[in-house]
Amino acid sequence: MSWNAALWIALGGAAGTLLRWLVGLGVAHERLPDFPWSTLLVNVAGSFALGLVAEALAERRLFGVEARLVLGTGVLGGFTTYSTFNLETLRLLERAEHGRAALYVAATVGASLLAGLAGLAAGRALR
């Protein structure tokens, strides 16, 4: 691992984190204000994007570094968030909102798996 690679991965992570924050600002919460829509959106979108990156850019380089590291580990690692998903689920359970918690877990896991499969398929089609 080179310092060049570490720098590009870190910059990608910063970009992904900023993008996640912007999604949080842009997602409307009017209908279900206590439902974690933005985290659900970034995790599903990130699952699709990671599948796409893993397949479509398997042998490519960005800035002299393997594209999967810059985009997958860096950008998408900063963009997606399991820890926030976990905390939001626990907060719903603490408020005894068991139905919402179950819906959130099922939607996140189910939609993320389907999005990941779609991303892999799209990436294979692009190769």
N, C-alpha and C. Protein backbone atom coordinates (compact mmCIF):
# COMPACT_ATOMS: atom_id res chain seq x y z
N MET A 1 0.85 -1.17 0.00
CA MET A 1 0.00 0.00 0.00
C MET A 1 0.89 1.23 0.00
N SER A 2 0.62 2.15 -0.90
CA SER A 2 1.40 3.37 -0.99
C SER A 2 0.68 4.53 -0.31
N TRP A 3 1.44 5.57 -0.01
CA TRP A 3 0.84 6.78 0.57
C TRP A 3 -0.07 7.45 -0.45
N ASN A 4 0.26 7.32 -1.72
CA ASN A 4 -0.59 7.86 -2.79
C ASN A 4 -1.97 7.21 -2.74
N ALA A 5 -2.00 5.89 -2.61
CA ALA A 5 -3.27 5.18 -2.53
C ALA A 5 -4.04 5.60 -1.28
N ALA A 6 -3.35 5.68 -0.15
CA ALA A 6 -4.01 6.07 1.10
C ALA A 6 -4.62 7.47 0.99
N LEU A 7 -3.92 8.36 0.33
CA LEU A 7 -4.42 9.72 0.16
C LEU A 7 -5.70 9.73 -0.67
N TRP A 8 -5.70 9.01 -1.79
CA TRP A 8 -6.89 8.99 -2.66
C TRP A 8 -8.07 8.30 -1.99
N ILE A 9 -7.81 7.27 -1.22
CA ILE A 9 -8.89 6.60 -0.49
C ILE A 9 -9.47 7.54 0.57
N ALA A 10 -8.60 8.25 1.28
CA ALA A 10 -9.06 9.20 2.29
C ALA A 10 -9.86 10.34 1.67
N LEU A 11 -9.40 10.86 0.55
CA LEU A 11 -10.14 11.92 -0.14
C LEU A 11 -11.49 11.40 -0.63
N GLY A 12 -11.51 10.17 -1.11
CA GLY A 12 -12.77 9.55 -1.51
C GLY A 12 -13.72 9.42 -0.34
N GLY A 13 -13.18 9.01 0.81
CA GLY A 13 -14.01 8.90 2.03
C GLY A 13 -14.58 10.24 2.44
N ALA A 14 -13.79 11.29 2.34
CA ALA A 14 -14.28 12.63 2.67
C ALA A 14 -15.40 13.04 1.72
N ALA A 15 -15.24 12.74 0.44
CA ALA A 15 -16.27 13.07 -0.54
C ALA A 15 -17.56 12.29 -0.26
N GLY A 16 -17.43 11.02 0.06
CA GLY A 16 -18.60 10.19 0.37
C GLY A 16 -19.33 10.67 1.61
N THR A 17 -18.58 11.07 2.62
CA THR A 17 -19.19 11.58 3.85
C THR A 17 -19.94 12.88 3.59
N LEU A 18 -19.35 13.76 2.80
CA LEU A 18 -20.01 15.01 2.45
C LEU A 18 -21.29 14.72 1.66
N LEU A 19 -21.21 13.80 0.72
CA LEU A 19 -22.39 13.44 -0.07
C LEU A 19 -23.49 12.88 0.83
N ARG A 20 -23.12 12.04 1.81
CA ARG A 20 -24.13 11.49 2.72
C ARG A 20 -24.80 12.60 3.51
N TRP A 21 -24.04 13.56 3.96
CA TRP A 21 -24.60 14.69 4.71
C TRP A 21 -25.56 15.48 3.84
N LEU A 22 -25.19 15.71 2.57
CA LEU A 22 -26.05 16.44 1.65
C LEU A 22 -27.36 15.69 1.39
N VAL A 23 -27.29 14.37 1.28
CA VAL A 23 -28.52 13.58 1.11
C VAL A 23 -29.42 13.77 2.32
N GLY A 24 -28.84 13.75 3.51
CA GLY A 24 -29.61 13.96 4.73
C GLY A 24 -30.31 15.31 4.74
N LEU A 25 -29.65 16.33 4.22
CA LEU A 25 -30.27 17.65 4.15
C LEU A 25 -31.41 17.70 3.13
N GLY A 26 -31.26 16.91 2.06
CA GLY A 26 -32.21 16.99 0.97
C GLY A 26 -33.41 16.07 1.07
N VAL A 27 -33.38 15.10 1.96
CA VAL A 27 -34.48 14.14 2.05
C VAL A 27 -35.59 14.70 2.93
N ALA A 28 -36.79 14.76 2.37
CA ALA A 28 -37.95 15.27 3.11
C ALA A 28 -38.45 14.22 4.08
N HIS A 29 -38.83 14.64 5.25
CA HIS A 29 -39.31 13.74 6.30
C HIS A 29 -40.74 14.07 6.71
N GLU A 30 -41.53 14.71 5.86
CA GLU A 30 -42.85 15.17 6.28
C GLU A 30 -43.83 14.05 6.61
N ARG A 31 -43.87 13.00 5.80
CA ARG A 31 -44.89 11.96 5.99
C ARG A 31 -44.61 11.10 7.22
N LEU A 32 -43.40 10.65 7.37
CA LEU A 32 -43.00 9.88 8.55
C LEU A 32 -41.77 10.57 9.14
N PRO A 33 -41.98 11.62 9.93
CA PRO A 33 -40.85 12.42 10.39
C PRO A 33 -39.87 11.68 11.28
N ASP A 34 -40.30 10.63 11.94
CA ASP A 34 -39.40 9.89 12.82
C ASP A 34 -38.84 8.64 12.16
N PHE A 35 -38.92 8.57 10.86
CA PHE A 35 -38.40 7.42 10.13
C PHE A 35 -37.09 7.83 9.45
N PRO A 36 -36.05 7.02 9.55
CA PRO A 36 -34.72 7.38 9.03
C PRO A 36 -34.57 7.22 7.51
N TRP A 37 -35.30 8.03 6.76
CA TRP A 37 -35.31 7.92 5.30
C TRP A 37 -33.93 8.12 4.68
N SER A 38 -33.19 9.11 5.13
CA SER A 38 -31.91 9.41 4.47
C SER A 38 -30.90 8.27 4.64
N THR A 39 -30.86 7.64 5.79
CA THR A 39 -29.94 6.52 5.99
C THR A 39 -30.36 5.34 5.13
N LEU A 40 -31.66 5.08 5.06
CA LEU A 40 -32.15 4.02 4.19
C LEU A 40 -31.74 4.29 2.74
N LEU A 41 -31.93 5.51 2.30
CA LEU A 41 -31.59 5.87 0.92
C LEU A 41 -30.10 5.70 0.64
N VAL A 42 -29.23 6.20 1.52
CA VAL A 42 -27.79 6.09 1.23
C VAL A 42 -27.32 4.65 1.28
N ASN A 43 -27.88 3.84 2.17
CA ASN A 43 -27.44 2.44 2.23
C ASN A 43 -27.91 1.63 1.03
N VAL A 44 -29.11 1.90 0.55
CA VAL A 44 -29.59 1.19 -0.64
C VAL A 44 -28.84 1.67 -1.88
N ALA A 45 -28.70 2.98 -2.04
CA ALA A 45 -27.96 3.52 -3.18
C ALA A 45 -26.50 3.07 -3.15
N GLY A 46 -25.92 3.07 -1.97
CA GLY A 46 -24.52 2.63 -1.84
C GLY A 46 -24.35 1.15 -2.15
N SER A 47 -25.33 0.34 -1.83
CA SER A 47 -25.27 -1.09 -2.16
C SER A 47 -25.28 -1.30 -3.67
N PHE A 48 -26.13 -0.55 -4.35
CA PHE A 48 -26.15 -0.62 -5.81
C PHE A 48 -24.80 -0.16 -6.38
N ALA A 49 -24.33 0.99 -5.91
CA ALA A 49 -23.10 1.56 -6.44
C ALA A 49 -21.89 0.66 -6.18
N LEU A 50 -21.83 0.03 -5.02
CA LEU A 50 -20.70 -0.84 -4.73
C LEU A 50 -20.70 -2.08 -5.63
N GLY A 51 -21.88 -2.64 -5.88
CA GLY A 51 -21.97 -3.76 -6.82
C GLY A 51 -21.51 -3.35 -8.20
N LEU A 52 -21.94 -2.17 -8.62
CA LEU A 52 -21.55 -1.64 -9.93
C LEU A 52 -20.04 -1.43 -10.01
N VAL A 53 -19.48 -0.79 -9.01
CA VAL A 53 -18.04 -0.51 -8.97
C VAL A 53 -17.24 -1.81 -8.95
N ALA A 54 -17.66 -2.76 -8.13
CA ALA A 54 -16.93 -4.02 -8.00
C ALA A 54 -16.85 -4.77 -9.33
N GLU A 55 -17.90 -4.71 -10.11
CA GLU A 55 -17.92 -5.44 -11.38
C GLU A 55 -17.38 -4.62 -12.54
N ALA A 56 -17.82 -3.40 -12.68
CA ALA A 56 -17.48 -2.60 -13.86
C ALA A 56 -16.05 -2.09 -13.84
N LEU A 57 -15.50 -1.85 -12.64
CA LEU A 57 -14.17 -1.25 -12.55
C LEU A 57 -13.14 -2.20 -11.96
N ALA A 58 -13.36 -3.49 -12.11
CA ALA A 58 -12.49 -4.49 -11.47
C ALA A 58 -11.02 -4.33 -11.83
N GLU A 59 -10.70 -3.99 -13.03
CA GLU A 59 -9.30 -3.91 -13.47
C GLU A 59 -8.86 -2.49 -13.80
N ARG A 60 -9.59 -1.49 -13.38
CA ARG A 60 -9.28 -0.10 -13.76
C ARG A 60 -8.60 0.65 -12.64
N ARG A 61 -7.95 1.73 -13.02
CA ARG A 61 -7.24 2.57 -12.06
C ARG A 61 -7.73 4.01 -12.13
N LEU A 62 -7.75 4.66 -10.97
CA LEU A 62 -8.04 6.09 -10.85
C LEU A 62 -6.87 6.73 -10.12
N PHE A 63 -6.29 7.74 -10.68
CA PHE A 63 -5.18 8.45 -10.05
C PHE A 63 -4.03 7.50 -9.71
N GLY A 64 -3.86 6.47 -10.51
CA GLY A 64 -2.81 5.49 -10.28
C GLY A 64 -3.13 4.46 -9.22
N VAL A 65 -4.36 4.47 -8.72
CA VAL A 65 -4.79 3.56 -7.65
C VAL A 65 -5.95 2.73 -8.18
N GLU A 66 -6.07 1.51 -7.69
CA GLU A 66 -7.19 0.66 -8.09
C GLU A 66 -8.52 1.37 -7.84
N ALA A 67 -9.36 1.47 -8.86
CA ALA A 67 -10.62 2.21 -8.77
C ALA A 67 -11.52 1.69 -7.67
N ARG A 68 -11.50 0.36 -7.46
CA ARG A 68 -12.36 -0.20 -6.40
C ARG A 68 -11.98 0.33 -5.03
N LEU A 69 -10.71 0.61 -4.81
CA LEU A 69 -10.29 1.15 -3.51
C LEU A 69 -10.74 2.60 -3.35
N VAL A 70 -10.53 3.40 -4.38
CA VAL A 70 -10.90 4.82 -4.29
C VAL A 70 -12.41 4.97 -4.18
N LEU A 71 -13.15 4.32 -5.07
CA LEU A 71 -14.60 4.48 -5.09
C LEU A 71 -15.32 3.59 -4.08
N GLY A 72 -14.90 2.33 -3.98
CA GLY A 72 -15.56 1.40 -3.06
C GLY A 72 -15.24 1.67 -1.61
N THR A 73 -13.97 1.55 -1.26
CA THR A 73 -13.56 1.76 0.13
C THR A 73 -13.65 3.22 0.52
N GLY A 74 -13.21 4.11 -0.37
CA GLY A 74 -13.20 5.53 -0.06
C GLY A 74 -14.57 6.16 -0.13
N VAL A 75 -15.03 6.45 -1.34
CA VAL A 75 -16.28 7.19 -1.52
C VAL A 75 -17.48 6.46 -0.91
N LEU A 76 -17.66 5.20 -1.28
CA LEU A 76 -18.85 4.48 -0.79
C LEU A 76 -18.72 4.07 0.67
N GLY A 77 -17.50 3.87 1.15
CA GLY A 77 -17.30 3.63 2.57
C GLY A 77 -17.70 4.84 3.41
N GLY A 78 -17.43 6.04 2.88
CA GLY A 78 -17.85 7.26 3.56
C GLY A 78 -19.32 7.56 3.38
N PHE A 79 -19.88 7.12 2.27
CA PHE A 79 -21.28 7.42 1.94
C PHE A 79 -22.25 6.55 2.73
N THR A 80 -22.01 5.25 2.77
CA THR A 80 -22.93 4.34 3.46
C THR A 80 -22.62 4.30 4.95
N THR A 81 -23.58 3.80 5.73
CA THR A 81 -23.38 3.82 7.17
C THR A 81 -24.17 2.73 7.89
N TYR A 82 -23.48 1.71 8.32
CA TYR A 82 -24.14 0.68 9.13
C TYR A 82 -24.35 1.19 10.56
N SER A 83 -23.40 1.91 11.09
CA SER A 83 -23.50 2.34 12.48
C SER A 83 -24.71 3.25 12.71
N THR A 84 -25.00 4.14 11.77
CA THR A 84 -26.18 5.00 11.91
C THR A 84 -27.45 4.18 11.79
N PHE A 85 -27.47 3.24 10.85
CA PHE A 85 -28.61 2.31 10.72
C PHE A 85 -28.86 1.59 12.04
N ASN A 86 -27.80 1.10 12.66
CA ASN A 86 -27.91 0.39 13.92
C ASN A 86 -28.47 1.31 15.02
N LEU A 87 -27.91 2.50 15.16
CA LEU A 87 -28.36 3.43 16.19
C LEU A 87 -29.82 3.84 15.97
N GLU A 88 -30.18 4.13 14.72
CA GLU A 88 -31.56 4.53 14.45
C GLU A 88 -32.54 3.40 14.76
N THR A 89 -32.15 2.17 14.47
CA THR A 89 -32.99 1.02 14.81
C THR A 89 -33.15 0.91 16.33
N LEU A 90 -32.06 1.06 17.05
CA LEU A 90 -32.12 0.99 18.51
C LEU A 90 -32.98 2.11 19.10
N ARG A 91 -32.89 3.30 18.51
CA ARG A 91 -33.72 4.43 19.00
C ARG A 91 -35.20 4.16 18.77
N LEU A 92 -35.55 3.59 17.62
CA LEU A 92 -36.94 3.22 17.37
C LEU A 92 -37.41 2.19 18.40
N LEU A 93 -36.57 1.21 18.70
CA LEU A 93 -36.94 0.20 19.69
C LEU A 93 -37.07 0.80 21.09
N GLU A 94 -36.19 1.74 21.45
CA GLU A 94 -36.28 2.40 22.75
C GLU A 94 -37.59 3.16 22.91
N ARG A 95 -38.10 3.69 21.82
CA ARG A 95 -39.37 4.43 21.85
C ARG A 95 -40.56 3.48 21.69
N ALA A 96 -40.30 2.19 21.76
CA ALA A 96 -41.32 1.15 21.62
C ALA A 96 -42.03 1.21 20.27
N GLU A 97 -41.32 1.66 19.25
CA GLU A 97 -41.86 1.69 17.89
C GLU A 97 -41.39 0.43 17.16
N HIS A 98 -41.86 -0.69 17.66
CA HIS A 98 -41.39 -1.98 17.15
C HIS A 98 -41.74 -2.21 15.69
N GLY A 99 -42.92 -1.78 15.29
CA GLY A 99 -43.32 -1.92 13.89
C GLY A 99 -42.43 -1.12 12.96
N ARG A 100 -42.15 0.12 13.33
CA ARG A 100 -41.26 0.95 12.51
C ARG A 100 -39.85 0.38 12.48
N ALA A 101 -39.39 -0.11 13.62
CA ALA A 101 -38.05 -0.70 13.67
C ALA A 101 -37.97 -1.92 12.75
N ALA A 102 -38.97 -2.77 12.82
CA ALA A 102 -38.99 -3.97 11.97
C ALA A 102 -39.07 -3.59 10.50
N LEU A 103 -39.90 -2.60 10.19
CA LEU A 103 -40.01 -2.12 8.80
C LEU A 103 -38.67 -1.58 8.32
N TYR A 104 -38.01 -0.80 9.15
CA TYR A 104 -36.72 -0.20 8.80
C TYR A 104 -35.66 -1.28 8.55
N VAL A 105 -35.57 -2.26 9.43
CA VAL A 105 -34.60 -3.33 9.26
C VAL A 105 -34.90 -4.14 7.99
N ALA A 106 -36.15 -4.51 7.82
CA ALA A 106 -36.53 -5.29 6.64
C ALA A 106 -36.30 -4.51 5.35
N ALA A 107 -36.68 -3.23 5.36
CA ALA A 107 -36.49 -2.41 4.16
C ALA A 107 -35.01 -2.21 3.85
N THR A 108 -34.21 -1.95 4.87
CA THR A 108 -32.78 -1.73 4.65
C THR A 108 -32.11 -2.99 4.13
N VAL A 109 -32.31 -4.10 4.79
CA VAL A 109 -31.66 -5.35 4.38
C VAL A 109 -32.18 -5.83 3.03
N GLY A 110 -33.50 -5.88 2.88
CA GLY A 110 -34.08 -6.37 1.63
C GLY A 110 -33.74 -5.50 0.44
N ALA A 111 -33.96 -4.20 0.57
CA ALA A 111 -33.70 -3.29 -0.55
C ALA A 111 -32.21 -3.20 -0.85
N SER A 112 -31.36 -3.25 0.17
CA SER A 112 -29.91 -3.20 -0.06
C SER A 112 -29.42 -4.44 -0.79
N LEU A 113 -29.95 -5.60 -0.42
CA LEU A 113 -29.57 -6.83 -1.14
C LEU A 113 -30.01 -6.79 -2.60
N LEU A 114 -31.23 -6.36 -2.83
CA LEU A 114 -31.72 -6.26 -4.21
C LEU A 114 -30.94 -5.21 -5.00
N ALA A 115 -30.64 -4.09 -4.37
CA ALA A 115 -29.86 -3.05 -5.04
C ALA A 115 -28.45 -3.54 -5.34
N GLY A 116 -27.86 -4.28 -4.41
CA GLY A 116 -26.53 -4.84 -4.65
C GLY A 116 -26.52 -5.81 -5.82
N LEU A 117 -27.53 -6.65 -5.88
CA LEU A 117 -27.65 -7.58 -7.02
C LEU A 117 -27.81 -6.81 -8.34
N ALA A 118 -28.62 -5.77 -8.32
CA ALA A 118 -28.81 -4.96 -9.51
C ALA A 118 -27.51 -4.26 -9.91
N GLY A 119 -26.76 -3.80 -8.94
CA GLY A 119 -25.47 -3.16 -9.22
C GLY A 119 -24.47 -4.14 -9.83
N LEU A 120 -24.42 -5.36 -9.29
CA LEU A 120 -23.54 -6.38 -9.86
C LEU A 120 -23.93 -6.67 -11.31
N ALA A 121 -25.23 -6.81 -11.55
CA ALA A 121 -25.71 -7.10 -12.91
C ALA A 121 -25.39 -5.95 -13.86
N ALA A 122 -25.59 -4.72 -13.40
CA ALA A 122 -25.28 -3.56 -14.23
C ALA A 122 -23.79 -3.48 -14.51
N GLY A 123 -22.98 -3.76 -13.50
CA GLY A 123 -21.54 -3.74 -13.70
C GLY A 123 -21.06 -4.80 -14.69
N ARG A 124 -21.64 -5.98 -14.61
CA ARG A 124 -21.29 -7.04 -15.56
C ARG A 124 -21.70 -6.66 -16.98
N ALA A 125 -22.84 -6.00 -17.10
CA ALA A 125 -23.31 -5.58 -18.42
C ALA A 125 -22.39 -4.52 -19.02
N LEU A 126 -21.78 -3.71 -18.17
CA LEU A 126 -20.89 -2.65 -18.65
C LEU A 126 -19.50 -3.15 -19.02
N ARG A 127 -19.11 -4.29 -18.49
CA ARG A 127 -17.76 -4.83 -18.79
C ARG A 127 -17.64 -5.30 -20.16
